[in-house]
């Protein structure tokens, strides 16, 4: 009886033990970086696209994967609206713009078509974009993640070999509540957090003064609280918005702009952390 109890106890432990997931790298690239926020409306997609081209300015060959199935932004961010081609009917060839290889659900469906999908369909689409896209000779792929901590985040954390995540937030408490959840999600799933970015940190008026519209210091404080690196501040700037609306990211179209230089500093930190 004692031996049977021991066997049952061992079987129960094995059943309750955390599942070990086999993580598959994205073929054709050396590093995969997630740009996440957990909270919508904090400028994550704008940061992701400009961070990608800031890394390109440092000499890296980049890929950009828009993982927001419900609200894809990449076609607008780089002014590209073509259909990816397939030579064998199975794998997709990523589109190219500004020297970057790009993939988004927005390239596969009409711009105004709502994606009324349940979780399994979203996961299937993500697997297609990570496993059946012919990424070629990329140093790094930047993944623009959707808000939240749901199916997309878990799919990447459990099934894709991710080299790090960058978390974007504005300084106000409401945004930081979700950011803290996002940090704990990545920590629990074993995804390395490369650091936090304070976006829309301030607005510089015509008088030269910096106005802290969304508060001050919250992101840096959160980074210290969770023992994560603070990567830097990014301002609320009209030139950044204009370049995004035109589909030509500021870090690509004007790399010497004061905001582009801030992105470059952050990109340098990220590049160093990947060595």
C-alpha atoms as a PDB file:
ATOM      1  CA  UNK A   1       0.000   0.000   0.000  1.00  0.00           C
ATOM      2  CA  UNK A   2       2.829   2.345   0.853  1.00  0.00           C
ATOM      3  CA  UNK A   3       4.465   1.753  -2.543  1.00  0.00           C
ATOM      4  CA  UNK A   4       1.145   2.324  -4.325  1.00  0.00           C
ATOM      5  CA  UNK A   5       0.635   5.589  -2.432  1.00  0.00           C
ATOM      6  CA  UNK A   6       4.141   6.685  -3.374  1.00  0.00           C
ATOM      7  CA  UNK A   7       3.478   5.854  -7.031  1.00  0.00           C
ATOM      8  CA  UNK A   8       0.168   7.758  -6.929  1.00  0.00           C
ATOM      9  CA  UNK A   9       1.846  10.704  -5.250  1.00  0.00           C
ATOM     10  CA  UNK A  10       4.575  10.797  -7.908  1.00  0.00           C
ATOM     11  CA  UNK A  11       2.008  10.559 -10.689  1.00  0.00           C
ATOM     12  CA  UNK A  12       0.058  13.434  -9.158  1.00  0.00           C
ATOM     13  CA  UNK A  13       3.207  15.580  -8.944  1.00  0.00           C
ATOM     14  CA  UNK A  14       3.988  14.910 -12.589  1.00  0.00           C
ATOM     15  CA  UNK A  15       0.432  15.825 -13.559  1.00  0.00           C
ATOM     16  CA  UNK A  16       0.539  19.092 -11.641  1.00  0.00           C
ATOM     17  CA  UNK A  17       4.053  20.047 -12.742  1.00  0.00           C
ATOM     18  CA  UNK A  18       4.274  23.038 -15.085  1.00  0.00           C
ATOM     19  CA  UNK A  19       4.122  21.965 -18.726  1.00  0.00           C
ATOM     20  CA  UNK A  20       7.421  22.297 -20.585  1.00  0.00           C
ATOM     21  CA  UNK A  21       6.726  23.915 -23.938  1.00  0.00           C
ATOM     22  CA  UNK A  22       8.884  23.372 -27.001  1.00  0.00           C
ATOM     23  CA  UNK A  23       9.657  26.850 -28.301  1.00  0.00           C
ATOM     24  CA  UNK A  24      10.269  27.209 -32.017  1.00  0.00           C
ATOM     25  CA  UNK A  25      12.483  30.028 -33.329  1.00  0.00           C
ATOM     26  CA  UNK A  26      11.247  32.164 -36.192  1.00  0.00           C
ATOM     27  CA  UNK A  27      13.258  30.859 -39.136  1.00  0.00           C
ATOM     28  CA  UNK A  28      15.378  33.354 -40.997  1.00  0.00           C
ATOM     29  CA  UNK A  29      16.110  35.595 -38.029  1.00  0.00           C
ATOM     30  CA  UNK A  30      18.636  35.697 -35.196  1.00  0.00           C
ATOM     31  CA  UNK A  31      16.598  37.523 -32.550  1.00  0.00           C
ATOM     32  CA  UNK A  32      12.900  38.027 -31.840  1.00  0.00           C
ATOM     33  CA  UNK A  33      11.829  41.002 -29.723  1.00  0.00           C
ATOM     34  CA  UNK A  34       8.274  41.624 -28.540  1.00  0.00           C
ATOM     35  CA  UNK A  35       7.093  45.215 -28.106  1.00  0.00           C
ATOM     36  CA  UNK A  36       4.224  45.046 -25.656  1.00  0.00           C
ATOM     37  CA  UNK A  37       2.168  47.336 -23.466  1.00  0.00           C
ATOM     38  CA  UNK A  38      -0.665  45.287 -21.950  1.00  0.00           C
ATOM     39  CA  UNK A  39      -2.607  48.571 -22.161  1.00  0.00           C
ATOM     40  CA  UNK A  40      -4.071  50.018 -25.346  1.00  0.00           C
ATOM     41  CA  UNK A  41      -3.685  53.635 -26.375  1.00  0.00           C
ATOM     42  CA  UNK A  42      -0.140  54.203 -25.140  1.00  0.00           C
ATOM     43  CA  UNK A  43       1.501  54.526 -28.566  1.00  0.00           C
ATOM     44  CA  UNK A  44       3.015  51.044 -28.633  1.00  0.00           C
ATOM     45  CA  UNK A  45       2.740  50.549 -32.402  1.00  0.00           C
ATOM     46  CA  UNK A  46       4.364  53.921 -33.100  1.00  0.00           C
ATOM     47  CA  UNK A  47       7.176  53.007 -30.721  1.00  0.00           C
ATOM     48  CA  UNK A  48       7.555  49.544 -32.274  1.00  0.00           C
ATOM     49  CA  UNK A  49       7.898  50.788 -35.851  1.00  0.00           C
ATOM     50  CA  UNK A  50      10.302  53.596 -34.956  1.00  0.00           C
ATOM     51  CA  UNK A  51      12.342  51.292 -32.738  1.00  0.00           C
ATOM     52  CA  UNK A  52      12.635  48.852 -35.651  1.00  0.00           C
ATOM     53  CA  UNK A  53      14.083  51.483 -37.969  1.00  0.00           C
ATOM     54  CA  UNK A  54      16.301  52.842 -35.200  1.00  0.00           C
ATOM     55  CA  UNK A  55      17.807  49.347 -35.043  1.00  0.00           C
ATOM     56  CA  UNK A  56      18.128  49.389 -38.827  1.00  0.00           C
ATOM     57  CA  UNK A  57      20.055  52.673 -38.529  1.00  0.00           C
ATOM     58  CA  UNK A  58      22.492  50.783 -36.304  1.00  0.00           C
ATOM     59  CA  UNK A  59      23.218  48.372 -39.142  1.00  0.00           C
ATOM     60  CA  UNK A  60      20.782  45.551 -38.307  1.00  0.00           C
ATOM     61  CA  UNK A  61      18.627  43.820 -40.907  1.00  0.00           C
ATOM     62  CA  UNK A  62      15.085  44.032 -39.579  1.00  0.00           C
ATOM     63  CA  UNK A  63      11.771  42.293 -39.923  1.00  0.00           C
ATOM     64  CA  UNK A  64       8.492  43.673 -38.559  1.00  0.00           C
ATOM     65  CA  UNK A  65       5.665  41.348 -37.531  1.00  0.00           C
ATOM     66  CA  UNK A  66       2.305  42.885 -36.663  1.00  0.00           C
ATOM     67  CA  UNK A  67       0.792  40.378 -34.240  1.00  0.00           C
ATOM     68  CA  UNK A  68      -2.383  42.373 -33.582  1.00  0.00           C
ATOM     69  CA  UNK A  69      -4.853  40.237 -35.514  1.00  0.00           C
ATOM     70  CA  UNK A  70      -7.922  42.262 -34.498  1.00  0.00           C
ATOM     71  CA  UNK A  71      -6.429  45.702 -35.096  1.00  0.00           C
ATOM     72  CA  UNK A  72      -3.436  45.507 -37.458  1.00  0.00           C
ATOM     73  CA  UNK A  73      -1.536  48.803 -37.817  1.00  0.00           C
ATOM     74  CA  UNK A  74       1.473  47.945 -39.973  1.00  0.00           C
ATOM     75  CA  UNK A  75      -0.113  48.680 -43.396  1.00  0.00           C
ATOM     76  CA  UNK A  76      -0.781  52.259 -42.241  1.00  0.00           C
ATOM     77  CA  UNK A  77       2.513  52.661 -40.398  1.00  0.00           C
ATOM     78  CA  UNK A  78       4.570  52.010 -43.538  1.00  0.00           C
ATOM     79  CA  UNK A  79       1.995  52.941 -46.199  1.00  0.00           C
ATOM     80  CA  UNK A  80       1.880  49.467 -47.696  1.00  0.00           C
ATOM     81  CA  UNK A  81      -1.219  47.622 -48.794  1.00  0.00           C
ATOM     82  CA  UNK A  82      -0.298  44.638 -50.951  1.00  0.00           C
ATOM     83  CA  UNK A  83      -1.026  40.944 -50.758  1.00  0.00           C
ATOM     84  CA  UNK A  84       1.871  38.631 -49.815  1.00  0.00           C
ATOM     85  CA  UNK A  85       2.693  36.050 -52.456  1.00  0.00           C
ATOM     86  CA  UNK A  86       3.262  32.316 -52.088  1.00  0.00           C
ATOM     87  CA  UNK A  87       5.323  30.192 -54.443  1.00  0.00           C
ATOM     88  CA  UNK A  88       4.089  26.831 -53.156  1.00  0.00           C
ATOM     89  CA  UNK A  89       0.661  27.699 -51.745  1.00  0.00           C
ATOM     90  CA  UNK A  90       1.890  26.984 -48.228  1.00  0.00           C
ATOM     91  CA  UNK A  91       4.485  29.562 -47.174  1.00  0.00           C
ATOM     92  CA  UNK A  92       4.113  33.331 -47.518  1.00  0.00           C
ATOM     93  CA  UNK A  93       6.800  35.677 -48.797  1.00  0.00           C
ATOM     94  CA  UNK A  94       6.976  38.775 -46.552  1.00  0.00           C
ATOM     95  CA  UNK A  95       6.450  42.153 -48.161  1.00  0.00           C
ATOM     96  CA  UNK A  96       9.372  44.581 -48.225  1.00  0.00           C
ATOM     97  CA  UNK A  97       9.427  48.318 -47.576  1.00  0.00           C
ATOM     98  CA  UNK A  98      12.285  50.645 -46.647  1.00  0.00           C
ATOM     99  CA  UNK A  99      14.613  47.644 -46.495  1.00  0.00           C
ATOM    100  CA  UNK A 100      12.461  45.869 -43.896  1.00  0.00           C
ATOM    101  CA  UNK A 101      10.610  42.577 -44.344  1.00  0.00           C
ATOM    102  CA  UNK A 102       7.022  42.912 -43.116  1.00  0.00           C
ATOM    103  CA  UNK A 103       4.037  40.732 -42.297  1.00  0.00           C
ATOM    104  CA  UNK A 104       0.602  41.610 -40.936  1.00  0.00           C
ATOM    105  CA  UNK A 105      -2.918  40.266 -40.998  1.00  0.00           C
ATOM    106  CA  UNK A 106      -3.722  43.665 -42.490  1.00  0.00           C
ATOM    107  CA  UNK A 107      -1.984  42.536 -45.699  1.00  0.00           C
ATOM    108  CA  UNK A 108      -4.195  39.467 -45.944  1.00  0.00           C
ATOM    109  CA  UNK A 109      -7.661  40.979 -45.453  1.00  0.00           C
ATOM    110  CA  UNK A 110      -9.435  44.115 -46.627  1.00  0.00           C
ATOM    111  CA  UNK A 111      -8.731  47.200 -44.508  1.00  0.00           C
ATOM    112  CA  UNK A 112     -12.338  47.536 -43.339  1.00  0.00           C
ATOM    113  CA  UNK A 113     -12.984  43.831 -42.737  1.00  0.00           C
ATOM    114  CA  UNK A 114     -13.516  43.120 -39.018  1.00  0.00           C
ATOM    115  CA  UNK A 115     -11.773  40.024 -37.672  1.00  0.00           C
ATOM    116  CA  UNK A 116     -14.623  38.320 -35.828  1.00  0.00           C
ATOM    117  CA  UNK A 117     -12.569  35.368 -34.658  1.00  0.00           C
ATOM    118  CA  UNK A 118     -12.426  33.219 -31.551  1.00  0.00           C
ATOM    119  CA  UNK A 119      -9.135  32.364 -29.847  1.00  0.00           C
ATOM    120  CA  UNK A 120      -8.249  29.184 -31.816  1.00  0.00           C
ATOM    121  CA  UNK A 121      -8.463  31.068 -35.128  1.00  0.00           C
ATOM    122  CA  UNK A 122      -6.214  33.825 -33.785  1.00  0.00           C
ATOM    123  CA  UNK A 123      -3.656  31.262 -32.629  1.00  0.00           C
ATOM    124  CA  UNK A 124      -3.774  29.584 -36.056  1.00  0.00           C
ATOM    125  CA  UNK A 125      -3.124  32.947 -37.758  1.00  0.00           C
ATOM    126  CA  UNK A 126      -0.185  33.649 -35.442  1.00  0.00           C
ATOM    127  CA  UNK A 127       1.331  30.249 -36.177  1.00  0.00           C
ATOM    128  CA  UNK A 128       1.067  31.009 -39.877  1.00  0.00           C
ATOM    129  CA  UNK A 129       2.875  34.342 -39.462  1.00  0.00           C
ATOM    130  CA  UNK A 130       5.647  32.862 -37.298  1.00  0.00           C
ATOM    131  CA  UNK A 131       6.094  29.418 -38.887  1.00  0.00           C
ATOM    132  CA  UNK A 132       4.951  29.805 -42.505  1.00  0.00           C
ATOM    133  CA  UNK A 133       6.498  33.109 -43.517  1.00  0.00           C
ATOM    134  CA  UNK A 134       9.777  32.973 -45.415  1.00  0.00           C
ATOM    135  CA  UNK A 135      11.706  35.505 -43.377  1.00  0.00           C
ATOM    136  CA  UNK A 136      15.191  35.727 -44.857  1.00  0.00           C
ATOM    137  CA  UNK A 137      18.525  36.788 -43.379  1.00  0.00           C
ATOM    138  CA  UNK A 138      17.116  39.033 -40.635  1.00  0.00           C
ATOM    139  CA  UNK A 139      19.150  40.051 -37.595  1.00  0.00           C
ATOM    140  CA  UNK A 140      16.058  40.885 -35.579  1.00  0.00           C
ATOM    141  CA  UNK A 141      12.292  40.727 -35.906  1.00  0.00           C
ATOM    142  CA  UNK A 142      10.294  43.319 -33.991  1.00  0.00           C
ATOM    143  CA  UNK A 143       6.858  41.983 -33.033  1.00  0.00           C
ATOM    144  CA  UNK A 144       4.162  44.587 -32.446  1.00  0.00           C
ATOM    145  CA  UNK A 145       1.977  42.888 -29.843  1.00  0.00           C
ATOM    146  CA  UNK A 146      -1.718  43.626 -29.219  1.00  0.00           C
ATOM    147  CA  UNK A 147      -2.898  44.991 -25.852  1.00  0.00           C
ATOM    148  CA  UNK A 148      -3.704  42.628 -23.020  1.00  0.00           C
ATOM    149  CA  UNK A 149      -2.352  39.346 -21.693  1.00  0.00           C
ATOM    150  CA  UNK A 150      -4.406  36.889 -23.726  1.00  0.00           C
ATOM    151  CA  UNK A 151      -4.057  34.305 -26.489  1.00  0.00           C
ATOM    152  CA  UNK A 152      -1.454  36.171 -28.544  1.00  0.00           C
ATOM    153  CA  UNK A 153       0.842  36.803 -25.596  1.00  0.00           C
ATOM    154  CA  UNK A 154       0.584  33.204 -24.391  1.00  0.00           C
ATOM    155  CA  UNK A 155       1.207  31.822 -27.885  1.00  0.00           C
ATOM    156  CA  UNK A 156       4.450  33.776 -28.199  1.00  0.00           C
ATOM    157  CA  UNK A 157       5.540  33.089 -24.615  1.00  0.00           C
ATOM    158  CA  UNK A 158       4.895  29.347 -24.798  1.00  0.00           C
ATOM    159  CA  UNK A 159       5.552  28.402 -28.423  1.00  0.00           C
ATOM    160  CA  UNK A 160       7.967  30.924 -29.966  1.00  0.00           C
ATOM    161  CA  UNK A 161      11.614  31.359 -29.023  1.00  0.00           C
ATOM    162  CA  UNK A 162      11.588  34.971 -27.853  1.00  0.00           C
ATOM    163  CA  UNK A 163      14.824  36.762 -26.981  1.00  0.00           C
ATOM    164  CA  UNK A 164      13.246  39.600 -25.048  1.00  0.00           C
ATOM    165  CA  UNK A 165      10.286  41.902 -24.530  1.00  0.00           C
ATOM    166  CA  UNK A 166      10.168  45.683 -24.393  1.00  0.00           C
ATOM    167  CA  UNK A 167       7.255  47.160 -22.448  1.00  0.00           C
ATOM    168  CA  UNK A 168       5.817  50.538 -23.425  1.00  0.00           C
ATOM    169  CA  UNK A 169       3.660  52.684 -21.153  1.00  0.00           C
ATOM    170  CA  UNK A 170       2.575  56.211 -20.467  1.00  0.00           C
ATOM    171  CA  UNK A 171       3.274  57.462 -16.931  1.00  0.00           C
ATOM    172  CA  UNK A 172      -0.265  57.602 -15.531  1.00  0.00           C
ATOM    173  CA  UNK A 173      -1.439  55.106 -12.924  1.00  0.00           C
ATOM    174  CA  UNK A 174      -4.231  53.631 -15.086  1.00  0.00           C
ATOM    175  CA  UNK A 175      -1.781  52.484 -17.757  1.00  0.00           C
ATOM    176  CA  UNK A 176       0.713  51.209 -15.197  1.00  0.00           C
ATOM    177  CA  UNK A 177      -1.851  48.894 -13.609  1.00  0.00           C
ATOM    178  CA  UNK A 178      -1.930  46.840 -16.804  1.00  0.00           C
ATOM    179  CA  UNK A 179       1.827  47.174 -17.314  1.00  0.00           C
ATOM    180  CA  UNK A 180       2.437  45.531 -13.947  1.00  0.00           C
ATOM    181  CA  UNK A 181       0.214  42.629 -15.006  1.00  0.00           C
ATOM    182  CA  UNK A 182       2.179  42.366 -18.233  1.00  0.00           C
ATOM    183  CA  UNK A 183       5.495  42.276 -16.376  1.00  0.00           C
ATOM    184  CA  UNK A 184       4.300  39.461 -14.143  1.00  0.00           C
ATOM    185  CA  UNK A 185       2.928  37.541 -17.137  1.00  0.00           C
ATOM    186  CA  UNK A 186       6.302  37.649 -18.924  1.00  0.00           C
ATOM    187  CA  UNK A 187       8.136  36.748 -15.713  1.00  0.00           C
ATOM    188  CA  UNK A 188       5.866  33.739 -15.126  1.00  0.00           C
ATOM    189  CA  UNK A 189       6.235  32.510 -18.696  1.00  0.00           C
ATOM    190  CA  UNK A 190      10.012  32.916 -18.732  1.00  0.00           C
ATOM    191  CA  UNK A 191      10.259  35.758 -21.264  1.00  0.00           C
ATOM    192  CA  UNK A 192      13.168  38.095 -20.541  1.00  0.00           C
ATOM    193  CA  UNK A 193      12.101  41.730 -20.178  1.00  0.00           C
ATOM    194  CA  UNK A 194      14.710  43.955 -21.816  1.00  0.00           C
ATOM    195  CA  UNK A 195      13.271  47.084 -20.240  1.00  0.00           C
ATOM    196  CA  UNK A 196      10.498  49.650 -19.978  1.00  0.00           C
ATOM    197  CA  UNK A 197       9.927  52.765 -22.111  1.00  0.00           C
ATOM    198  CA  UNK A 198       8.128  55.872 -20.858  1.00  0.00           C
ATOM    199  CA  UNK A 199       6.164  57.053 -23.915  1.00  0.00           C
ATOM    200  CA  UNK A 200       4.394  60.437 -24.208  1.00  0.00           C
ATOM    201  CA  UNK A 201       6.501  61.368 -21.227  1.00  0.00           C
ATOM    202  CA  UNK A 202       6.180  65.100 -21.857  1.00  0.00           C
ATOM    203  CA  UNK A 203       5.140  67.715 -24.381  1.00  0.00           C
ATOM    204  CA  UNK A 204       7.487  70.586 -25.140  1.00  0.00           C
ATOM    205  CA  UNK A 205       5.576  73.820 -25.745  1.00  0.00           C
ATOM    206  CA  UNK A 206       6.533  76.768 -27.902  1.00  0.00           C
ATOM    207  CA  UNK A 207       7.806  78.396 -24.729  1.00  0.00           C
ATOM    208  CA  UNK A 208      10.432  75.660 -24.413  1.00  0.00           C
ATOM    209  CA  UNK A 209       8.920  74.216 -21.247  1.00  0.00           C
ATOM    210  CA  UNK A 210       8.178  70.519 -20.797  1.00  0.00           C
ATOM    211  CA  UNK A 211       4.607  69.749 -19.782  1.00  0.00           C
ATOM    212  CA  UNK A 212       4.028  66.395 -18.052  1.00  0.00           C
ATOM    213  CA  UNK A 213       0.535  65.794 -19.428  1.00  0.00           C
ATOM    214  CA  UNK A 214       0.210  62.196 -18.211  1.00  0.00           C
ATOM    215  CA  UNK A 215       2.103  62.540 -14.946  1.00  0.00           C
ATOM    216  CA  UNK A 216       5.740  61.950 -14.184  1.00  0.00           C
ATOM    217  CA  UNK A 217       8.064  59.155 -13.132  1.00  0.00           C
ATOM    218  CA  UNK A 218       5.571  56.307 -13.020  1.00  0.00           C
ATOM    219  CA  UNK A 219       7.261  54.064 -15.578  1.00  0.00           C
ATOM    220  CA  UNK A 220      10.728  54.522 -14.120  1.00  0.00           C
ATOM    221  CA  UNK A 221       9.343  53.809 -10.643  1.00  0.00           C
ATOM    222  CA  UNK A 222       7.645  50.647 -11.914  1.00  0.00           C
ATOM    223  CA  UNK A 223      10.889  49.483 -13.508  1.00  0.00           C
ATOM    224  CA  UNK A 224      12.677  49.850 -10.169  1.00  0.00           C
ATOM    225  CA  UNK A 225       9.820  48.123  -8.336  1.00  0.00           C
ATOM    226  CA  UNK A 226      10.150  45.009 -10.522  1.00  0.00           C
ATOM    227  CA  UNK A 227      13.940  45.220 -10.888  1.00  0.00           C
ATOM    228  CA  UNK A 228      13.788  45.872 -14.646  1.00  0.00           C
ATOM    229  CA  UNK A 229      15.877  48.221 -16.749  1.00  0.00           C
ATOM    230  CA  UNK A 230      14.434  51.621 -17.598  1.00  0.00           C
ATOM    231  CA  UNK A 231      15.217  52.274 -21.273  1.00  0.00           C
ATOM    232  CA  UNK A 232      14.261  55.936 -21.566  1.00  0.00           C
ATOM    233  CA  UNK A 233      11.704  58.699 -22.081  1.00  0.00           C
ATOM    234  CA  UNK A 234       9.971  59.506 -25.382  1.00  0.00           C
ATOM    235  CA  UNK A 235       8.035  62.775 -25.832  1.00  0.00           C
ATOM    236  CA  UNK A 236       4.639  63.527 -27.301  1.00  0.00           C
ATOM    237  CA  UNK A 237       5.754  65.208 -30.523  1.00  0.00           C
ATOM    238  CA  UNK A 238       3.828  66.370 -33.592  1.00  0.00           C
ATOM    239  CA  UNK A 239       6.604  65.393 -36.014  1.00  0.00           C
ATOM    240  CA  UNK A 240       6.448  61.810 -34.758  1.00  0.00           C
ATOM    241  CA  UNK A 241       2.699  61.738 -35.320  1.00  0.00           C
ATOM    242  CA  UNK A 242       2.935  63.340 -38.769  1.00  0.00           C
ATOM    243  CA  UNK A 243       5.559  60.865 -39.949  1.00  0.00           C
ATOM    244  CA  UNK A 244       3.458  57.954 -38.686  1.00  0.00           C
ATOM    245  CA  UNK A 245       0.344  59.219 -40.475  1.00  0.00           C
ATOM    246  CA  UNK A 246       2.347  59.539 -43.716  1.00  0.00           C
ATOM    247  CA  UNK A 247       3.558  55.941 -43.413  1.00  0.00           C
ATOM    248  CA  UNK A 248       7.234  56.902 -43.252  1.00  0.00           C
ATOM    249  CA  UNK A 249       8.504  56.430 -39.670  1.00  0.00           C
ATOM    250  CA  UNK A 250      10.456  59.363 -38.252  1.00  0.00           C
ATOM    251  CA  UNK A 251      13.527  57.285 -37.370  1.00  0.00           C
ATOM    252  CA  UNK A 252      13.771  56.316 -41.042  1.00  0.00           C
ATOM    253  CA  UNK A 253      12.781  59.590 -42.726  1.00  0.00           C
ATOM    254  CA  UNK A 254      14.683  61.888 -40.344  1.00  0.00           C
ATOM    255  CA  UNK A 255      17.220  59.935 -38.258  1.00  0.00           C
ATOM    256  CA  UNK A 256      18.815  63.187 -37.008  1.00  0.00           C
ATOM    257  CA  UNK A 257      15.575  64.469 -35.497  1.00  0.00           C
ATOM    258  CA  UNK A 258      15.715  65.012 -31.729  1.00  0.00           C
ATOM    259  CA  UNK A 259      13.088  62.290 -31.180  1.00  0.00           C
ATOM    260  CA  UNK A 260      14.874  59.882 -33.527  1.00  0.00           C
ATOM    261  CA  UNK A 261      18.022  60.344 -31.445  1.00  0.00           C
ATOM    262  CA  UNK A 262      16.094  59.293 -28.337  1.00  0.00           C
ATOM    263  CA  UNK A 263      14.957  56.163 -30.157  1.00  0.00           C
ATOM    264  CA  UNK A 264      18.569  55.551 -31.186  1.00  0.00           C
ATOM    265  CA  UNK A 265      19.688  55.629 -27.550  1.00  0.00           C
ATOM    266  CA  UNK A 266      17.046  53.054 -26.652  1.00  0.00           C
ATOM    267  CA  UNK A 267      17.919  50.919 -29.688  1.00  0.00           C
ATOM    268  CA  UNK A 268      21.578  50.917 -28.646  1.00  0.00           C
ATOM    269  CA  UNK A 269      20.634  49.591 -25.207  1.00  0.00           C
ATOM    270  CA  UNK A 270      18.527  46.849 -26.759  1.00  0.00           C
ATOM    271  CA  UNK A 271      21.207  45.891 -29.269  1.00  0.00           C
ATOM    272  CA  UNK A 272      23.764  45.641 -26.457  1.00  0.00           C
ATOM    273  CA  UNK A 273      21.441  43.439 -24.369  1.00  0.00           C
ATOM    274  CA  UNK A 274      21.134  40.941 -27.242  1.00  0.00           C
ATOM    275  CA  UNK A 275      24.850  40.181 -27.365  1.00  0.00           C
END
